[in-house]
PDB file of all heavy atoms in Angstrom:
ATOM      1  N   HIS A   1     160.895  94.829 107.699  1.00  0.00           N
ATOM      2  CA  HIS A   1     161.459  95.977 108.406  1.00  0.00           C
ATOM      3  C   HIS A   1     162.167  95.452 109.656  1.00  0.00           C
ATOM      4  O   HIS A   1     161.540  94.810 110.510  1.00  0.00           O
ATOM      5  CB  HIS A   1     160.372  96.960 108.835  1.00  0.00           C
ATOM      6  CG  HIS A   1     159.648  97.614 107.699  1.00  0.00           C
ATOM      7  ND1 HIS A   1     158.566  97.037 107.087  1.00  0.00           N
ATOM      8  CD2 HIS A   1     159.852  98.798 107.071  1.00  0.00           C
ATOM      9  CE1 HIS A   1     158.128  97.849 106.130  1.00  0.00           C
ATOM     10  NE2 HIS A   1     158.890  98.921 106.096  1.00  0.00           N
ATOM     11  N   PHE A   2     163.442  95.757 109.769  1.00  0.00           N
ATOM     12  CA  PHE A   2     164.234  95.313 110.917  1.00  0.00           C
ATOM     13  C   PHE A   2     164.423  96.477 111.875  1.00  0.00           C
ATOM     14  O   PHE A   2     164.935  97.537 111.495  1.00  0.00           O
ATOM     15  CB  PHE A   2     165.594  94.790 110.458  1.00  0.00           C
ATOM     16  CG  PHE A   2     166.484  94.384 111.604  1.00  0.00           C
ATOM     17  CD1 PHE A   2     166.321  93.154 112.224  1.00  0.00           C
ATOM     18  CD2 PHE A   2     167.478  95.238 112.075  1.00  0.00           C
ATOM     19  CE1 PHE A   2     167.131  92.779 113.284  1.00  0.00           C
ATOM     20  CE2 PHE A   2     168.286  94.873 113.130  1.00  0.00           C
ATOM     21  CZ  PHE A   2     168.115  93.645 113.735  1.00  0.00           C
ATOM     22  N   LEU A   3     163.992  96.291 113.125  1.00  0.00           N
ATOM     23  CA  LEU A   3     164.094  97.321 114.156  1.00  0.00           C
ATOM     24  C   LEU A   3     165.154  96.910 115.166  1.00  0.00           C
ATOM     25  O   LEU A   3     165.087  95.801 115.726  1.00  0.00           O
ATOM     26  CB  LEU A   3     162.768  97.528 114.872  1.00  0.00           C
ATOM     27  CG  LEU A   3     161.632  98.188 114.085  1.00  0.00           C
ATOM     28  CD1 LEU A   3     160.994  97.221 113.093  1.00  0.00           C
ATOM     29  CD2 LEU A   3     160.568  98.718 115.033  1.00  0.00           C
ATOM     30  N   CYS A   4     166.092  97.798 115.408  1.00  0.00           N
ATOM     31  CA  CYS A   4     167.183  97.499 116.330  1.00  0.00           C
ATOM     32  C   CYS A   4     166.761  97.779 117.772  1.00  0.00           C
ATOM     33  O   CYS A   4     167.344  98.573 118.497  1.00  0.00           O
ATOM     34  CB  CYS A   4     168.397  98.328 115.959  1.00  0.00           C
ATOM     35  SG  CYS A   4     169.910  97.727 116.713  1.00  0.00           S
ATOM     36  N   GLY A   5     165.662  97.121 118.174  1.00  0.00           N
ATOM     37  CA  GLY A   5     165.118  97.266 119.509  1.00  0.00           C
ATOM     38  C   GLY A   5     163.846  96.446 119.637  1.00  0.00           C
ATOM     39  O   GLY A   5     163.298  95.973 118.634  1.00  0.00           O
ATOM     40  N   ALA A   6     163.363  96.280 120.866  1.00  0.00           N
ATOM     41  CA  ALA A   6     162.115  95.557 121.120  1.00  0.00           C
ATOM     42  C   ALA A   6     161.137  96.484 121.828  1.00  0.00           C
ATOM     43  O   ALA A   6     161.540  97.363 122.588  1.00  0.00           O
ATOM     44  CB  ALA A   6     162.376  94.316 121.982  1.00  0.00           C
ATOM     45  N   GLY A   7     159.843  96.308 121.550  1.00  0.00           N
ATOM     46  CA  GLY A   7     158.839  97.154 122.174  1.00  0.00           C
ATOM     47  C   GLY A   7     158.861  98.578 121.657  1.00  0.00           C
ATOM     48  O   GLY A   7     158.415  99.498 122.348  1.00  0.00           O
ATOM     49  N   VAL A   8     159.364  98.773 120.441  1.00  0.00           N
ATOM     50  CA  VAL A   8     159.511 100.122 119.891  1.00  0.00           C
ATOM     51  C   VAL A   8     158.153 100.743 119.589  1.00  0.00           C
ATOM     52  O   VAL A   8     157.908 101.910 119.873  1.00  0.00           O
ATOM     53  CB  VAL A   8     160.382 100.087 118.621  1.00  0.00           C
ATOM     54  CG1 VAL A   8     160.426 101.460 117.954  1.00  0.00           C
ATOM     55  CG2 VAL A   8     161.788  99.603 118.958  1.00  0.00           C
ATOM     56  N   GLU A   9     157.249  99.953 119.000  1.00  0.00           N
ATOM     57  CA  GLU A   9     155.950 100.465 118.600  1.00  0.00           C
ATOM     58  C   GLU A   9     154.867  99.965 119.547  1.00  0.00           C
ATOM     59  O   GLU A   9     155.009  98.916 120.194  1.00  0.00           O
ATOM     60  CB  GLU A   9     155.641 100.034 117.162  1.00  0.00           C
ATOM     61  CG  GLU A   9     156.619 100.597 116.147  1.00  0.00           C
ATOM     62  CD  GLU A   9     156.398 100.028 114.766  1.00  0.00           C
ATOM     63  OE1 GLU A   9     155.484 100.493 114.074  1.00  0.00           O
ATOM     64  OE2 GLU A   9     157.137  99.103 114.390  1.00  0.00           O
ATOM     65  N   ALA A  10     153.782 100.708 119.605  1.00  0.00           N
ATOM     66  CA  ALA A  10     152.671 100.347 120.484  1.00  0.00           C
ATOM     67  C   ALA A  10     152.178  98.948 120.159  1.00  0.00           C
ATOM     68  O   ALA A  10     151.942  98.607 118.997  1.00  0.00           O
ATOM     69  CB  ALA A  10     151.535 101.344 120.315  1.00  0.00           C
ATOM     70  N   GLY A  11     152.042  98.113 121.185  1.00  0.00           N
ATOM     71  CA  GLY A  11     151.528  96.767 121.010  1.00  0.00           C
ATOM     72  C   GLY A  11     152.573  95.706 120.768  1.00  0.00           C
ATOM     73  O   GLY A  11     152.259  94.515 120.759  1.00  0.00           O
ATOM     74  N   VAL A  12     153.836  96.087 120.572  1.00  0.00           N
ATOM     75  CA  VAL A  12     154.911  95.115 120.342  1.00  0.00           C
ATOM     76  C   VAL A  12     155.652  94.902 121.663  1.00  0.00           C
ATOM     77  O   VAL A  12     156.065  95.869 122.301  1.00  0.00           O
ATOM     78  CB  VAL A  12     155.877  95.600 119.248  1.00  0.00           C
ATOM     79  CG1 VAL A  12     156.966  94.560 119.000  1.00  0.00           C
ATOM     80  CG2 VAL A  12     155.111  95.894 117.963  1.00  0.00           C
ATOM     81  N   PRO A  13     155.843  93.636 122.096  1.00  0.00           N
ATOM     82  CA  PRO A  13     156.397  93.382 123.432  1.00  0.00           C
ATOM     83  C   PRO A  13     157.871  93.720 123.559  1.00  0.00           C
ATOM     84  O   PRO A  13     158.628  93.695 122.592  1.00  0.00           O
ATOM     85  CB  PRO A  13     156.164  91.878 123.627  1.00  0.00           C
ATOM     86  CG  PRO A  13     156.090  91.317 122.256  1.00  0.00           C
ATOM     87  CD  PRO A  13     155.471  92.374 121.406  1.00  0.00           C
ATOM     88  N   THR A  14     158.268  94.039 124.790  1.00  0.00           N
ATOM     89  CA  THR A  14     159.676  94.172 125.139  1.00  0.00           C
ATOM     90  C   THR A  14     160.213  92.792 125.510  1.00  0.00           C
ATOM     91  O   THR A  14     159.482  91.792 125.466  1.00  0.00           O
ATOM     92  CB  THR A  14     159.839  95.129 126.332  1.00  0.00           C
ATOM     93  OG1 THR A  14     159.069  94.628 127.441  1.00  0.00           O
ATOM     94  CG2 THR A  14     159.342  96.525 125.979  1.00  0.00           C
ATOM     95  N   VAL A  15     161.494  92.724 125.885  1.00  0.00           N
ATOM     96  CA  VAL A  15     162.090  91.450 126.306  1.00  0.00           C
ATOM     97  C   VAL A  15     162.523  91.566 127.765  1.00  0.00           C
ATOM     98  O   VAL A  15     162.831  92.667 128.244  1.00  0.00           O
ATOM     99  CB  VAL A  15     163.285  91.071 125.414  1.00  0.00           C
ATOM    100  CG1 VAL A  15     162.831  90.810 123.988  1.00  0.00           C
ATOM    101  CG2 VAL A  15     164.355  92.154 125.435  1.00  0.00           C
ATOM    102  N   PRO A  16     162.568  90.446 128.510  1.00  0.00           N
ATOM    103  CA  PRO A  16     162.878  90.499 129.943  1.00  0.00           C
ATOM    104  C   PRO A  16     164.229  91.135 130.271  1.00  0.00           C
ATOM    105  O   PRO A  16     164.359  91.870 131.239  1.00  0.00           O
ATOM    106  CB  PRO A  16     162.842  89.021 130.362  1.00  0.00           C
ATOM    107  CG  PRO A  16     161.937  88.364 129.367  1.00  0.00           C
ATOM    108  CD  PRO A  16     162.178  89.081 128.083  1.00  0.00           C
ATOM    109  N   SER A  17     165.237  90.865 129.437  1.00  0.00           N
ATOM    110  CA  SER A  17     166.573  91.369 129.742  1.00  0.00           C
ATOM    111  C   SER A  17     166.750  92.832 129.372  1.00  0.00           C
ATOM    112  O   SER A  17     167.747  93.457 129.738  1.00  0.00           O
ATOM    113  CB  SER A  17     167.619  90.533 128.988  1.00  0.00           C
ATOM    114  OG  SER A  17     167.493  90.741 127.593  1.00  0.00           O
ATOM    115  N   GLY A  18     165.809  93.371 128.588  1.00  0.00           N
ATOM    116  CA  GLY A  18     165.919  94.758 128.163  1.00  0.00           C
ATOM    117  C   GLY A  18     166.790  94.968 126.951  1.00  0.00           C
ATOM    118  O   GLY A  18     167.161  96.109 126.641  1.00  0.00           O
ATOM    119  N   SER A  19     167.126  93.914 126.229  1.00  0.00           N
ATOM    120  CA  SER A  19     167.915  94.060 125.002  1.00  0.00           C
ATOM    121  C   SER A  19     167.362  93.114 123.952  1.00  0.00           C
ATOM    122  O   SER A  19     167.516  91.885 124.067  1.00  0.00           O
ATOM    123  CB  SER A  19     169.395  93.754 125.264  1.00  0.00           C
ATOM    124  OG  SER A  19     170.151  93.999 124.094  1.00  0.00           O
ATOM    125  N   GLY A  20     166.705  93.688 122.930  1.00  0.00           N
ATOM    126  CA  GLY A  20     166.067  92.834 121.945  1.00  0.00           C
ATOM    127  C   GLY A  20     166.057  93.439 120.552  1.00  0.00           C
ATOM    128  O   GLY A  20     166.535  94.561 120.320  1.00  0.00           O
ATOM    129  N   LEU A  21     165.505  92.670 119.619  1.00  0.00           N
ATOM    130  CA  LEU A  21     165.366  93.057 118.222  1.00  0.00           C
ATOM    131  C   LEU A  21     163.968  92.717 117.750  1.00  0.00           C
ATOM    132  O   LEU A  21     163.314  91.818 118.298  1.00  0.00           O
ATOM    133  CB  LEU A  21     166.377  92.316 117.344  1.00  0.00           C
ATOM    134  CG  LEU A  21     167.858  92.446 117.679  1.00  0.00           C
ATOM    135  CD1 LEU A  21     168.669  91.471 116.830  1.00  0.00           C
ATOM    136  CD2 LEU A  21     168.341  93.870 117.456  1.00  0.00           C
ATOM    137  N   THR A  22     163.511  93.390 116.700  1.00  0.00           N
ATOM    138  CA  THR A  22     162.195  93.108 116.131  1.00  0.00           C
ATOM    139  C   THR A  22     162.330  93.002 114.620  1.00  0.00           C
ATOM    140  O   THR A  22     163.012  93.816 113.989  1.00  0.00           O
ATOM    141  CB  THR A  22     161.201  94.241 116.453  1.00  0.00           C
ATOM    142  OG1 THR A  22     161.173  94.457 117.861  1.00  0.00           O
ATOM    143  CG2 THR A  22     159.795  93.878 115.963  1.00  0.00           C
ATOM    144  N   LEU A  23     161.693  92.001 114.042  1.00  0.00           N
ATOM    145  CA  LEU A  23     161.592  91.894 112.591  1.00  0.00           C
ATOM    146  C   LEU A  23     160.116  91.848 112.225  1.00  0.00           C
ATOM    147  O   LEU A  23     159.369  90.997 112.698  1.00  0.00           O
ATOM    148  CB  LEU A  23     162.310  90.648 112.072  1.00  0.00           C
ATOM    149  CG  LEU A  23     162.311  90.476 110.539  1.00  0.00           C
ATOM    150  CD1 LEU A  23     162.906  91.691 109.844  1.00  0.00           C
ATOM    151  CD2 LEU A  23     163.077  89.215 110.137  1.00  0.00           C
ATOM    152  N   ASN A  24     159.708  92.794 111.394  1.00  0.00           N
ATOM    153  CA  ASN A  24     158.318  92.914 110.955  1.00  0.00           C
ATOM    154  C   ASN A  24     158.236  92.569 109.477  1.00  0.00           C
ATOM    155  O   ASN A  24     159.130  92.895 108.698  1.00  0.00           O
ATOM    156  CB  ASN A  24     157.847  94.361 111.186  1.00  0.00           C
ATOM    157  CG  ASN A  24     156.515  94.657 110.536  1.00  0.00           C
ATOM    158  OD1 ASN A  24     156.454  94.980 109.352  1.00  0.00           O
ATOM    159  ND2 ASN A  24     155.452  94.558 111.303  1.00  0.00           N
ATOM    160  N   CYS A  25     157.153  91.892 109.077  1.00  0.00           N
ATOM    161  CA  CYS A  25     156.971  91.584 107.662  1.00  0.00           C
ATOM    162  C   CYS A  25     155.498  91.723 107.298  1.00  0.00           C
ATOM    163  O   CYS A  25     154.619  91.669 108.162  1.00  0.00           O
ATOM    164  CB  CYS A  25     157.450  90.171 107.334  1.00  0.00           C
ATOM    165  SG  CYS A  25     156.469  88.870 108.117  1.00  0.00           S
ATOM    166  N   TYR A  26     155.240  91.931 106.006  1.00  0.00           N
ATOM    167  CA  TYR A  26     153.857  91.947 105.537  1.00  0.00           C
ATOM    168  C   TYR A  26     153.774  91.583 104.054  1.00  0.00           C
ATOM    169  O   TYR A  26     154.747  91.686 103.302  1.00  0.00           O
ATOM    170  CB  TYR A  26     153.164  93.284 105.788  1.00  0.00           C
ATOM    171  CG  TYR A  26     153.845  94.544 105.317  1.00  0.00           C
ATOM    172  CD1 TYR A  26     154.067  94.831 103.976  1.00  0.00           C
ATOM    173  CD2 TYR A  26     154.243  95.503 106.259  1.00  0.00           C
ATOM    174  CE1 TYR A  26     154.652  96.013 103.568  1.00  0.00           C
ATOM    175  CE2 TYR A  26     154.838  96.692 105.857  1.00  0.00           C
ATOM    176  CZ  TYR A  26     155.037  96.936 104.509  1.00  0.00           C
ATOM    177  OH  TYR A  26     155.626  98.117 104.110  1.00  0.00           O
ATOM    178  N   ASN A  27     152.583  91.144 103.686  1.00  0.00           N
ATOM    179  CA  ASN A  27     152.202  90.871 102.300  1.00  0.00           C
ATOM    180  C   ASN A  27     152.045  92.209 101.588  1.00  0.00           C
ATOM    181  O   ASN A  27     151.272  93.061 102.013  1.00  0.00           O
ATOM    182  CB  ASN A  27     150.886  90.077 102.322  1.00  0.00           C
ATOM    183  CG  ASN A  27     150.246  89.947 100.958  1.00  0.00           C
ATOM    184  OD1 ASN A  27     150.896  90.087  99.927  1.00  0.00           O
ATOM    185  ND2 ASN A  27     148.953  89.653 100.966  1.00  0.00           N
ATOM    186  N   LEU A  28     152.761  92.400 100.488  1.00  0.00           N
ATOM    187  CA  LEU A  28     152.801  93.705  99.833  1.00  0.00           C
ATOM    188  C   LEU A  28     151.502  94.091  99.140  1.00  0.00           C
ATOM    189  O   LEU A  28     151.177  95.274  99.046  1.00  0.00           O
ATOM    190  CB  LEU A  28     153.941  93.733  98.802  1.00  0.00           C
ATOM    191  CG  LEU A  28     155.344  93.924  99.379  1.00  0.00           C
ATOM    192  CD1 LEU A  28     156.399  93.718  98.299  1.00  0.00           C
ATOM    193  CD2 LEU A  28     155.499  95.300 100.006  1.00  0.00           C
ATOM    194  N   ARG A  29     150.772  93.135  98.611  1.00  0.00           N
ATOM    195  CA  ARG A  29     149.572  93.471  97.829  1.00  0.00           C
ATOM    196  C   ARG A  29     148.377  92.656  98.304  1.00  0.00           C
ATOM    197  O   ARG A  29     147.912  91.740  97.615  1.00  0.00           O
ATOM    198  CB  ARG A  29     149.835  93.261  96.336  1.00  0.00           C
ATOM    199  CG  ARG A  29     150.928  94.182  95.819  1.00  0.00           C
ATOM    200  CD  ARG A  29     151.381  93.880  94.413  1.00  0.00           C
ATOM    201  NE  ARG A  29     152.598  94.645  94.135  1.00  0.00           N
ATOM    202  CZ  ARG A  29     153.830  94.228  94.431  1.00  0.00           C
ATOM    203  NH1 ARG A  29     153.999  93.039  95.002  1.00  0.00           N
ATOM    204  NH2 ARG A  29     154.871  94.979  94.182  1.00  0.00           N
ATOM    205  N   PRO A  30     147.860  92.973  99.484  1.00  0.00           N
ATOM    206  CA  PRO A  30     146.722  92.214 100.024  1.00  0.00           C
ATOM    207  C   PRO A  30     145.483  92.348  99.137  1.00  0.00           C
ATOM    208  O   PRO A  30     145.257  93.381  98.511  1.00  0.00           O
ATOM    209  CB  PRO A  30     146.495  92.845 101.398  1.00  0.00           C
ATOM    210  CG  PRO A  30     147.076  94.217 101.282  1.00  0.00           C
ATOM    211  CD  PRO A  30     148.238  94.097 100.357  1.00  0.00           C
ATOM    212  N   LYS A  31     144.693  91.298  99.120  1.00  0.00           N
ATOM    213  CA  LYS A  31     143.443  91.295  98.358  1.00  0.00           C
ATOM    214  C   LYS A  31     142.260  91.777  99.198  1.00  0.00           C
ATOM    215  O   LYS A  31     141.233  92.163  98.649  1.00  0.00           O
ATOM    216  CB  LYS A  31     143.158  89.888  97.831  1.00  0.00           C
ATOM    217  CG  LYS A  31     144.197  89.374  96.840  1.00  0.00           C
ATOM    218  CD  LYS A  31     143.865  87.947  96.390  1.00  0.00           C
ATOM    219  CE  LYS A  31     144.882  87.434  95.379  1.00  0.00           C
ATOM    220  NZ  LYS A  31     144.588  86.029  94.975  1.00  0.00           N
ATOM    221  N   SER A  32     142.390  91.720 100.505  1.00  0.00           N
ATOM    222  CA  SER A  32     141.285  92.099 101.395  1.00  0.00           C
ATOM    223  C   SER A  32     140.971  93.584 101.248  1.00  0.00           C
ATOM    224  O   SER A  32     141.872  94.414 101.123  1.00  0.00           O
ATOM    225  CB  SER A  32     141.647  91.799 102.850  1.00  0.00           C
ATOM    226  OG  SER A  32     141.952  90.425 103.020  1.00  0.00           O
ATOM    227  N   ARG A  33     139.679  93.889 101.283  1.00  0.00           N
ATOM    228  CA  ARG A  33     139.226  95.273 101.181  1.00  0.00           C
ATOM    229  C   ARG A  33     138.277  95.584 102.336  1.00  0.00           C
ATOM    230  O   ARG A  33     137.429  94.770 102.694  1.00  0.00           O
ATOM    231  CB  ARG A  33     138.502  95.523  99.856  1.00  0.00           C
ATOM    232  CG  ARG A  33     139.398  95.350  98.620  1.00  0.00           C
ATOM    233  CD  ARG A  33     140.457  96.431  98.558  1.00  0.00           C
ATOM    234  NE  ARG A  33     141.267  96.356  97.346  1.00  0.00           N
ATOM    235  CZ  ARG A  33     142.413  95.675  97.241  1.00  0.00           C
ATOM    236  NH1 ARG A  33     142.874  95.000  98.290  1.00  0.00           N
ATOM    237  NH2 ARG A  33     143.096  95.675  96.120  1.00  0.00           N
ATOM    238  N   GLY A  34     138.443  96.774 102.892  1.00  0.00           N
ATOM    239  CA  GLY A  34     137.610  97.183 104.010  1.00  0.00           C
ATOM    240  C   GLY A  34     136.896  98.484 103.712  1.00  0.00           C
ATOM    241  O   GLY A  34     136.626  98.819 102.553  1.00  0.00           O
ATOM    242  N   SER A  35     136.601  99.247 104.767  1.00  0.00           N
ATOM    243  CA  SER A  35     135.794 100.455 104.567  1.00  0.00           C
ATOM    244  C   SER A  35     136.033 101.469 105.680  1.00  0.00           C
ATOM    245  O   SER A  35     136.529 101.144 106.760  1.00  0.00           O
ATOM    246  CB  SER A  35     134.310 100.097 104.526  1.00  0.00           C
ATOM    247  OG  SER A  35     133.894  99.585 105.792  1.00  0.00           O
ATOM    248  N   VAL A  36     135.643 102.711 105.379  1.00  0.00           N
ATOM    249  CA  VAL A  36     135.534 103.784 106.366  1.00  0.00           C
ATOM    250  C   VAL A  36     134.092 104.268 106.313  1.00  0.00           C
ATOM    251  O   VAL A  36     133.581 104.594 105.235  1.00  0.00           O
ATOM    252  CB  VAL A  36     136.489 104.950 106.056  1.00  0.00           C
ATOM    253  CG1 VAL A  36     136.258 106.104 107.021  1.00  0.00           C
ATOM    254  CG2 VAL A  36     137.939 104.486 106.120  1.00  0.00           C
ATOM    255  N   ARG A  37     133.441 104.299 107.458  1.00  0.00           N
ATOM    256  CA  ARG A  37     132.061 104.772 107.548  1.00  0.00           C
ATOM    257  C   ARG A  37     131.947 105.767 108.694  1.00  0.00           C
ATOM    258  O   ARG A  37     132.748 105.762 109.633  1.00  0.00           O
ATOM    259  CB  ARG A  37     131.088 103.599 107.763  1.00  0.00           C
ATOM    260  CG  ARG A  37     130.890 102.723 106.526  1.00  0.00           C
ATOM    261  CD  ARG A  37     130.085 103.467 105.469  1.00  0.00           C
ATOM    262  NE  ARG A  37     129.918 102.697 104.246  1.00  0.00           N
ATOM    263  CZ  ARG A  37     130.653 102.842 103.159  1.00  0.00           C
ATOM    264  NH1 ARG A  37     131.653 103.714 103.148  1.00  0.00           N
ATOM    265  NH2 ARG A  37     130.400 102.137 102.083  1.00  0.00           N
ATOM    266  N   LEU A  38     130.944 106.608 108.634  1.00  0.00           N
ATOM    267  CA  LEU A  38     130.712 107.564 109.718  1.00  0.00           C
ATOM    268  C   LEU A  38     130.061 106.876 110.905  1.00  0.00           C
ATOM    269  O   LEU A  38     129.214 105.993 110.744  1.00  0.00           O
ATOM    270  CB  LEU A  38     129.809 108.693 109.237  1.00  0.00           C
ATOM    271  CG  LEU A  38     130.340 109.599 108.125  1.00  0.00           C
ATOM    272  CD1 LEU A  38     129.290 110.643 107.763  1.00  0.00           C
ATOM    273  CD2 LEU A  38     131.649 110.275 108.538  1.00  0.00           C
ATOM    274  N   ARG A  39     130.452 107.290 112.081  1.00  0.00           N
ATOM    275  CA  ARG A  39     129.790 106.838 113.297  1.00  0.00           C
ATOM    276  C   ARG A  39     128.508 107.643 113.521  1.00  0.00           C
ATOM    277  O   ARG A  39     127.521 107.141 114.035  1.00  0.00           O
ATOM    278  CB  ARG A  39     130.736 107.000 114.485  1.00  0.00           C
ATOM    279  CG  ARG A  39     130.292 106.329 115.776  1.00  0.00           C
ATOM    280  CD  ARG A  39     131.327 106.571 116.860  1.00  0.00           C
ATOM    281  NE  ARG A  39     132.639 106.061 116.492  1.00  0.00           N
ATOM    282  CZ  ARG A  39     133.065 104.826 116.746  1.00  0.00           C
ATOM    283  NH1 ARG A  39     132.259 103.962 117.357  1.00  0.00           N
ATOM    284  NH2 ARG A  39     134.283 104.451 116.375  1.00  0.00           N
ATOM    285  N   SER A  40     128.567 108.923 113.121  1.00  0.00           N
ATOM    286  CA  SER A  40     127.426 109.818 113.258  1.00  0.00           C
ATOM    287  C   SER A  40     127.645 110.990 112.310  1.00  0.00           C
ATOM    288  O   SER A  40     128.657 111.063 111.611  1.00  0.00           O
ATOM    289  CB  SER A  40     127.300 110.327 114.701  1.00  0.00           C
ATOM    290  OG  SER A  40     128.301 111.302 114.969  1.00  0.00           O
ATOM    291  N   GLY A  41     126.743 111.933 112.330  1.00  0.00           N
ATOM    292  CA  GLY A  41     126.905 113.136 111.537  1.00  0.00           C
ATOM    293  C   GLY A  41     127.704 114.217 112.233  1.00  0.00           C
ATOM    294  O   GLY A  41     127.833 115.323 111.705  1.00  0.00           O
ATOM    295  N   ASN A  42     128.259 113.907 113.408  1.00  0.00           N
ATOM    296  CA  ASN A  42     129.051 114.864 114.181  1.00  0.00           C
ATOM    297  C   ASN A  42     130.515 114.779 113.742  1.00  0.00           C
ATOM    298  O   ASN A  42     131.133 113.709 113.836  1.00  0.00           O
ATOM    299  CB  ASN A  42     128.930 114.552 115.670  1.00  0.00           C
ATOM    300  CG  ASN A  42     129.594 115.597 116.553  1.00  0.00           C
ATOM    301  OD1 ASN A  42     130.511 116.297 116.130  1.00  0.00           O
ATOM    302  ND2 ASN A  42     129.124 115.705 117.786  1.00  0.00           N
ATOM    303  N   TYR A  43     131.082 115.879 113.306  1.00  0.00           N
ATOM    304  CA  TYR A  43     132.448 115.855 112.777  1.00  0.00           C
ATOM    305  C   TYR A  43     133.486 115.484 113.829  1.00  0.00           C
ATOM    306  O   TYR A  43     134.605 115.052 113.493  1.00  0.00           O
ATOM    307  CB  TYR A  43     132.804 117.222 112.161  1.00  0.00           C
ATOM    308  CG  TYR A  43     133.175 118.286 113.159  1.00  0.00           C
ATOM    309  CD1 TYR A  43     134.506 118.563 113.448  1.00  0.00           C
ATOM    310  CD2 TYR A  43     132.196 119.024 113.834  1.00  0.00           C
ATOM    311  CE1 TYR A  43     134.860 119.531 114.370  1.00  0.00           C
ATOM    312  CE2 TYR A  43     132.540 119.990 114.756  1.00  0.00           C
ATOM    313  CZ  TYR A  43     133.866 120.246 115.019  1.00  0.00           C
ATOM    314  OH  TYR A  43     134.208 121.201 115.941  1.00  0.00           O
ATOM    315  N   THR A  44     133.170 115.633 115.116  1.00  0.00           N
ATOM    316  CA  THR A  44     134.144 115.301 116.158  1.00  0.00           C
ATOM    317  C   THR A  44     134.196 113.814 116.468  1.00  0.00           C
ATOM    318  O   THR A  44     135.133 113.353 117.119  1.00  0.00           O
ATOM    319  CB  THR A  44     133.835 116.063 117.462  1.00  0.00           C
ATOM    320  OG1 THR A  44     132.554 115.652 117.955  1.00  0.00           O
ATOM    321  CG2 THR A  44     133.835 117.567 117.228  1.00  0.00           C
ATOM    322  N   ASP A  45     133.215 113.049 116.025  1.00  0.00           N
ATOM    323  CA  ASP A  45     133.207 111.613 116.282  1.00  0.00           C
ATOM    324  C   ASP A  45     134.188 110.887 115.372  1.00  0.00           C
ATOM    325  O   ASP A  45     134.275 111.179 114.173  1.00  0.00           O
ATOM    326  CB  ASP A  45     131.806 111.030 116.082  1.00  0.00           C
ATOM    327  CG  ASP A  45     130.867 111.351 117.226  1.00  0.00           C
ATOM    328  OD1 ASP A  45     131.360 111.808 118.280  1.00  0.00           O
ATOM    329  OD2 ASP A  45     129.652 111.150 117.068  1.00  0.00           O
ATOM    330  N   ARG A  46     134.915 109.933 115.935  1.00  0.00           N
ATOM    331  CA  ARG A  46     135.847 109.146 115.140  1.00  0.00           C
ATOM    332  C   ARG A  46     135.071 108.258 114.168  1.00  0.00           C
ATOM    333  O   ARG A  46     134.018 107.713 114.525  1.00  0.00           O
ATOM    334  CB  ARG A  46     136.720 108.285 116.039  1.00  0.00           C
ATOM    335  CG  ARG A  46     137.622 109.094 116.948  1.00  0.00           C
ATOM    336  CD  ARG A  46     138.276 108.219 117.996  1.00  0.00           C
ATOM    337  NE  ARG A  46     139.124 108.993 118.889  1.00  0.00           N
ATOM    338  CZ  ARG A  46     139.625 108.536 120.028  1.00  0.00           C
ATOM    339  NH1 ARG A  46     139.354 107.293 120.401  1.00  0.00           N
ATOM    340  NH2 ARG A  46     140.377 109.302 120.782  1.00  0.00           N
ATOM    341  N   PRO A  47     135.582 108.075 112.961  1.00  0.00           N
ATOM    342  CA  PRO A  47     134.882 107.213 112.003  1.00  0.00           C
ATOM    343  C   PRO A  47     135.034 105.740 112.363  1.00  0.00           C
ATOM    344  O   PRO A  47     135.870 105.365 113.197  1.00  0.00           O
ATOM    345  CB  PRO A  47     135.583 107.538 110.683  1.00  0.00           C
ATOM    346  CG  PRO A  47     136.966 107.933 111.104  1.00  0.00           C
ATOM    347  CD  PRO A  47     136.806 108.665 112.410  1.00  0.00           C
TER     348      PRO A  47
END
């Protein structure tokens, strides 16, 4: 994914001059598997 700017998304740095580009890449079919679990039985708590 090519972004015509820098610092567009949260956590991605800007550049000192204020004019930049970002190129993002990822593995399309990762083998790693994770999980979602409850923090508590309270529906307002984030999982």
